[in-house]
Amino acid sequence: MKTWIARLALVISLMVPLYFATAALGVKFGLFDWRFGLGVMIVQWGIWVLLGALAIALLALAIVAARAPRRGWSLALAALLIPAAGLGYLAWVREKTATIPPIHDIATNPDDAPEFSERVMALRSATPDVNPVNPLNEPLSSFPMYQSERFAAISARSAGDIAREAYPDVRTLTLKLGVPEAYAAVLEEARGMGWEIVTTEASAGIVEATATTFWFGFKDDVAIRVRQIQDGAGAEIDMRSTSRVGVSDLGANAARIKAFLEAVAARAKP
């Protein structure tokens, strides 16, 4: 009897990661939209799913440990560890969210960021509740998304200023290459990243692409601009990465820009 209870608790706990995977992959494959998969299944219901599995596992462990023979204790302990790990990860994400600015549009040069083409904007407009693409050097209070008490502390600042402070290493890359060579390195690296290439304009030094996350299939749009350094030899590369949905990107766009430009710089080395 005790072993059966422990096994039942373990089965329930094993269904927890399946539940979260279903929420994420359901969004990715269009079974439901991101507002339900992320907003409801994970943000609203996820904590209760984890707590419920944890409570059942604790009950099973208590029953198994109550009296000898204590069969099934290892199963009950495994059942306890799964939701406990999930709660620990959730706490880590919440702590990370609290320390990362609630912005989702990052550029190496916010005062002169690459602009998205009409083609990219058309792709973005097909997404429900898509984030608008706003100027990065205007106060956040200028935009409806940030006109609430939640953002009062940062509403007078621009997304560009906030990003400069939060991600000081995200900045324009300069290379001792001609523009054609730098552009070729950029395009090759963008393809190597597995992004969907949307626009290539070698004459303008523009590459646009869409990066898609594995679990939810969230799409972030990328614009890269290569141009001649003013009053000097070489090329400068600016980049913008913008999430289609979500107020905060949890630092994903800054990390993407940094990783991409570091890879391009490595390609450019002799």
Protein backbone atom coordinates (compact mmCIF):
# COMPACT_ATOMS: atom_id res chain seq x y z
CA MET A 1 0.00 0.00 0.00
CA LYS A 2 2.78 2.43 0.94
CA THR A 3 4.69 1.66 -2.24
CA TRP A 4 1.57 2.28 -4.30
CA ILE A 5 1.05 5.69 -2.68
CA ALA A 6 4.70 6.63 -3.28
CA ARG A 7 4.45 5.53 -6.90
CA LEU A 8 1.29 7.57 -7.39
CA ALA A 9 2.99 10.66 -5.95
CA LEU A 10 5.94 10.12 -8.30
CA VAL A 11 3.67 9.77 -11.32
CA ILE A 12 1.91 13.01 -10.41
CA SER A 13 5.26 14.79 -9.97
CA LEU A 14 6.50 13.46 -13.31
CA MET A 15 3.43 14.99 -14.94
CA VAL A 16 4.50 18.46 -13.73
CA PRO A 17 7.31 18.96 -16.30
CA LEU A 18 4.96 17.50 -18.89
CA TYR A 19 2.40 20.14 -17.99
CA PHE A 20 4.90 22.99 -18.42
CA ALA A 21 6.23 21.50 -21.66
CA THR A 22 2.67 21.28 -22.97
CA ALA A 23 2.11 24.95 -22.14
CA ALA A 24 5.30 26.00 -23.95
CA LEU A 25 5.02 23.73 -26.99
CA GLY A 26 1.30 24.39 -27.29
CA VAL A 27 2.13 28.04 -27.91
CA LYS A 28 4.93 27.14 -30.31
CA PHE A 29 2.76 24.90 -32.46
CA GLY A 30 -0.30 27.14 -32.39
CA LEU A 31 -2.59 25.02 -30.22
CA PHE A 32 -3.32 28.18 -28.20
CA ASP A 33 -1.85 31.66 -28.10
CA TRP A 34 0.92 32.88 -25.82
CA ARG A 35 -1.45 34.76 -23.55
CA PHE A 36 -3.02 31.46 -22.45
CA GLY A 37 0.08 29.27 -22.55
CA LEU A 38 2.37 31.67 -20.72
CA GLY A 39 -0.02 34.06 -19.00
CA VAL A 40 -2.54 31.53 -17.71
CA MET A 41 -1.03 28.03 -17.71
CA ILE A 42 2.36 29.07 -16.38
CA VAL A 43 2.08 32.45 -14.65
CA GLN A 44 -1.38 31.97 -13.09
CA TRP A 45 -1.71 28.20 -12.70
CA GLY A 46 1.92 27.07 -12.61
CA ILE A 47 2.56 27.87 -8.97
CA TRP A 48 -0.54 25.93 -7.92
CA VAL A 49 0.45 22.93 -10.01
CA LEU A 50 3.85 22.88 -8.33
CA LEU A 51 2.43 23.37 -4.83
CA GLY A 52 -0.18 20.67 -5.39
CA ALA A 53 2.42 18.13 -6.52
CA LEU A 54 4.65 19.12 -3.60
CA ALA A 55 1.81 18.63 -1.10
CA ILE A 56 0.98 15.19 -2.49
CA ALA A 57 4.64 14.17 -2.37
CA LEU A 58 4.97 15.38 1.23
CA LEU A 59 1.88 13.43 2.20
CA ALA A 60 3.23 10.29 0.53
CA LEU A 61 6.58 10.69 2.26
CA ALA A 62 4.87 11.16 5.63
CA ILE A 63 2.76 8.02 5.13
CA VAL A 64 5.78 5.97 4.05
CA ALA A 65 7.92 7.20 6.98
CA ALA A 66 5.19 6.83 9.61
CA ARG A 67 5.97 3.24 10.52
CA ALA A 68 8.04 0.27 9.43
CA PRO A 69 8.45 -1.22 6.95
CA ARG A 70 9.28 2.05 5.21
CA ARG A 71 8.98 0.83 1.65
CA GLY A 72 8.78 3.35 -1.14
CA TRP A 73 10.55 6.18 0.65
CA SER A 74 12.97 6.69 -2.25
CA LEU A 75 10.03 7.02 -4.66
CA ALA A 76 8.33 9.52 -2.38
CA LEU A 77 11.55 11.50 -2.02
CA ALA A 78 11.99 11.62 -5.80
CA ALA A 79 8.39 12.80 -6.08
CA LEU A 80 9.19 15.57 -3.60
CA LEU A 81 12.34 16.74 -5.36
CA ILE A 82 10.70 17.37 -8.74
CA PRO A 83 8.19 20.09 -7.69
CA ALA A 84 10.71 21.45 -5.17
CA ALA A 85 13.17 21.98 -8.03
CA GLY A 86 10.42 23.61 -10.05
CA LEU A 87 9.60 26.02 -7.23
CA GLY A 88 13.28 26.84 -6.84
CA TYR A 89 13.55 27.63 -10.54
CA LEU A 90 10.41 29.77 -10.37
CA ALA A 91 11.87 31.73 -7.46
CA TRP A 92 15.09 32.25 -9.44
CA VAL A 93 13.15 33.56 -12.45
CA ARG A 94 11.17 35.97 -10.28
CA GLU A 95 14.35 37.25 -8.65
CA LYS A 96 15.94 37.68 -12.07
CA THR A 97 12.87 39.49 -13.36
CA ALA A 98 13.09 41.93 -10.46
CA THR A 99 16.67 42.89 -11.37
CA ILE A 100 16.23 43.18 -15.15
CA PRO A 101 14.61 46.32 -16.61
CA PRO A 102 11.13 45.82 -18.13
CA ILE A 103 12.18 46.60 -21.69
CA HIS A 104 12.22 44.45 -24.79
CA ASP A 105 13.84 46.59 -27.49
CA ILE A 106 17.65 46.82 -27.35
CA ALA A 107 20.08 48.48 -29.73
CA THR A 108 23.80 49.13 -29.79
CA ASN A 109 23.13 52.78 -30.66
CA PRO A 110 19.74 53.85 -29.27
CA ASP A 111 20.09 57.37 -30.68
CA ASP A 112 20.57 56.02 -34.21
CA ALA A 113 19.15 52.50 -34.09
CA PRO A 114 18.54 50.46 -37.25
CA GLU A 115 14.94 50.75 -38.41
CA PHE A 116 12.82 47.75 -39.34
CA SER A 117 11.58 47.51 -42.90
CA GLU A 118 7.94 47.39 -43.92
CA ARG A 119 8.33 43.66 -44.49
CA VAL A 120 9.37 43.03 -40.89
CA MET A 121 6.67 45.34 -39.56
CA ALA A 122 4.08 43.40 -41.57
CA LEU A 123 5.30 40.15 -40.00
CA ARG A 124 5.09 41.71 -36.55
CA SER A 125 1.56 42.99 -37.12
CA ALA A 126 0.33 39.40 -37.61
CA THR A 127 1.15 38.61 -33.95
CA PRO A 128 -1.64 39.11 -31.36
CA ASP A 129 -0.86 41.88 -28.85
CA VAL A 130 2.39 42.66 -30.63
CA ASN A 131 4.75 45.18 -29.07
CA PRO A 132 4.93 48.45 -30.99
CA VAL A 133 8.37 49.50 -32.23
CA ASN A 134 8.97 52.79 -30.46
CA PRO A 135 11.84 55.30 -30.60
CA LEU A 136 14.51 54.33 -28.10
CA ASN A 137 15.45 57.89 -27.15
CA GLU A 138 12.05 59.13 -25.97
CA PRO A 139 10.61 58.83 -22.42
CA LEU A 140 8.76 55.61 -21.74
CA SER A 141 5.81 57.67 -20.52
CA SER A 142 5.24 58.63 -24.17
CA PHE A 143 4.05 55.10 -24.93
CA PRO A 144 0.75 53.52 -23.77
CA MET A 145 2.44 50.30 -22.62
CA TYR A 146 4.26 52.16 -19.84
CA GLN A 147 1.51 54.50 -18.67
CA SER A 148 0.72 52.80 -15.38
CA GLU A 149 1.88 53.08 -11.77
CA ARG A 150 3.90 49.91 -12.23
CA PHE A 151 6.43 51.84 -14.33
CA ALA A 152 6.36 55.14 -12.43
CA ALA A 153 10.00 54.82 -11.35
CA ILE A 154 11.30 54.59 -14.91
CA SER A 155 8.63 56.36 -16.95
CA ALA A 156 10.67 59.56 -17.34
CA ARG A 157 13.62 57.68 -18.79
CA SER A 158 14.07 56.32 -22.30
CA ALA A 159 14.51 52.65 -23.14
CA GLY A 160 17.88 53.55 -24.60
CA ASP A 161 19.16 55.14 -21.38
CA ILE A 162 17.90 52.22 -19.32
CA ALA A 163 19.56 49.73 -21.66
CA ARG A 164 22.88 51.61 -21.61
CA GLU A 165 22.92 51.36 -17.82
CA ALA A 166 21.79 47.73 -17.65
CA TYR A 167 23.87 46.44 -20.57
CA PRO A 168 26.98 48.65 -20.90
CA ASP A 169 28.76 46.05 -23.06
CA VAL A 170 26.08 46.21 -25.78
CA ARG A 171 27.56 48.78 -28.12
CA THR A 172 28.59 49.40 -31.72
CA LEU A 173 31.19 47.00 -33.10
CA THR A 174 33.98 48.48 -35.20
CA LEU A 175 36.09 46.32 -37.48
CA LYS A 176 39.22 46.96 -39.53
CA LEU A 177 37.48 45.59 -42.59
CA GLY A 178 35.89 47.07 -45.64
CA VAL A 179 32.11 47.29 -45.58
CA PRO A 180 31.65 44.42 -48.09
CA GLU A 181 33.81 42.06 -46.01
CA ALA A 182 32.10 43.09 -42.77
CA TYR A 183 28.69 42.64 -44.36
CA ALA A 184 29.63 39.16 -45.57
CA ALA A 185 30.72 38.22 -42.03
CA VAL A 186 27.46 39.54 -40.60
CA LEU A 187 25.30 37.64 -43.08
CA GLU A 188 27.25 34.42 -42.63
CA GLU A 189 26.97 34.62 -38.85
CA ALA A 190 23.24 35.42 -38.98
CA ARG A 191 22.70 32.30 -41.08
CA GLY A 192 24.90 30.31 -38.72
CA MET A 193 22.72 31.36 -35.80
CA GLY A 194 19.80 29.58 -37.45
CA TRP A 195 17.77 32.75 -37.74
CA GLU A 196 15.19 33.17 -40.48
CA ILE A 197 16.68 35.73 -42.86
CA VAL A 198 14.00 38.22 -43.86
CA THR A 199 15.90 40.95 -45.74
CA THR A 200 19.37 41.30 -47.23
CA GLU A 201 20.40 44.58 -48.84
CA ALA A 202 24.12 44.53 -49.46
CA SER A 203 24.11 48.00 -51.04
CA ALA A 204 22.59 49.48 -47.86
CA GLY A 205 24.48 47.17 -45.51
CA ILE A 206 21.23 45.82 -44.03
CA VAL A 207 20.40 42.34 -42.76
CA GLU A 208 17.06 41.61 -41.08
CA ALA A 209 16.19 38.32 -39.47
CA THR A 210 13.83 36.65 -37.03
CA ALA A 211 15.06 34.56 -34.10
CA THR A 212 12.62 31.98 -32.69
CA THR A 213 12.88 30.51 -29.18
CA PHE A 214 12.77 26.75 -28.79
CA TRP A 215 10.07 26.28 -26.18
CA PHE A 216 7.39 28.89 -26.79
CA GLY A 217 8.36 29.76 -30.33
CA PHE A 218 8.54 33.43 -29.37
CA LYS A 219 9.88 35.55 -32.22
CA ASP A 220 12.33 38.40 -31.82
CA ASP A 221 13.17 40.58 -34.81
CA VAL A 222 16.73 41.59 -35.55
CA ALA A 223 18.04 44.42 -37.71
CA ILE A 224 21.77 44.73 -38.43
CA ARG A 225 23.39 47.66 -40.20
CA VAL A 226 26.91 47.76 -41.61
CA ARG A 227 28.38 51.06 -42.75
CA GLN A 228 31.62 52.88 -43.26
CA ILE A 229 33.20 54.46 -40.21
CA GLN A 230 32.92 58.21 -40.49
CA ASP A 231 36.28 59.91 -41.06
CA GLY A 232 38.16 56.65 -40.93
CA ALA A 233 38.90 53.27 -42.43
CA GLY A 234 36.91 50.22 -41.47
CA ALA A 235 33.29 49.32 -40.80
CA GLU A 236 30.92 49.81 -37.91
CA ILE A 237 28.12 47.39 -37.11
CA ASP A 238 24.99 48.38 -35.25
CA MET A 239 22.28 45.96 -34.24
CA ARG A 240 18.77 46.04 -32.85
CA SER A 241 16.84 43.12 -31.35
CA THR A 242 13.16 43.54 -30.48
CA SER A 243 10.71 41.07 -28.96
CA ARG A 244 7.31 40.79 -30.58
CA VAL A 245 5.50 40.12 -27.30
CA GLY A 246 6.11 40.68 -23.61
CA VAL A 247 7.02 43.82 -21.68
CA SER A 248 10.29 42.36 -20.40
CA ASP A 249 12.61 40.12 -22.38
CA LEU A 250 14.53 38.92 -19.29
CA GLY A 251 17.72 40.15 -20.93
CA ALA A 252 17.38 37.92 -24.00
CA ASN A 253 17.79 40.64 -26.63
CA ALA A 254 20.91 42.09 -25.02
CA ALA A 255 22.41 38.61 -24.70
CA ARG A 256 21.62 37.92 -28.36
CA ILE A 257 23.28 41.12 -29.55
CA LYS A 258 26.36 40.56 -27.42
CA ALA A 259 26.78 36.94 -28.55
CA PHE A 260 26.27 37.83 -32.20
CA LEU A 261 28.72 40.73 -32.29
CA GLU A 262 31.34 38.73 -30.41
CA ALA A 263 30.99 35.96 -33.00
CA VAL A 264 31.28 38.43 -35.87
CA ALA A 265 34.38 39.97 -34.29
CA ALA A 266 35.91 36.51 -33.99
CA ARG A 267 35.21 35.84 -37.68
CA ALA A 268 36.90 39.10 -38.61
CA LYS A 269 40.16 38.27 -36.85
CA PRO A 270 43.03 37.28 -39.19
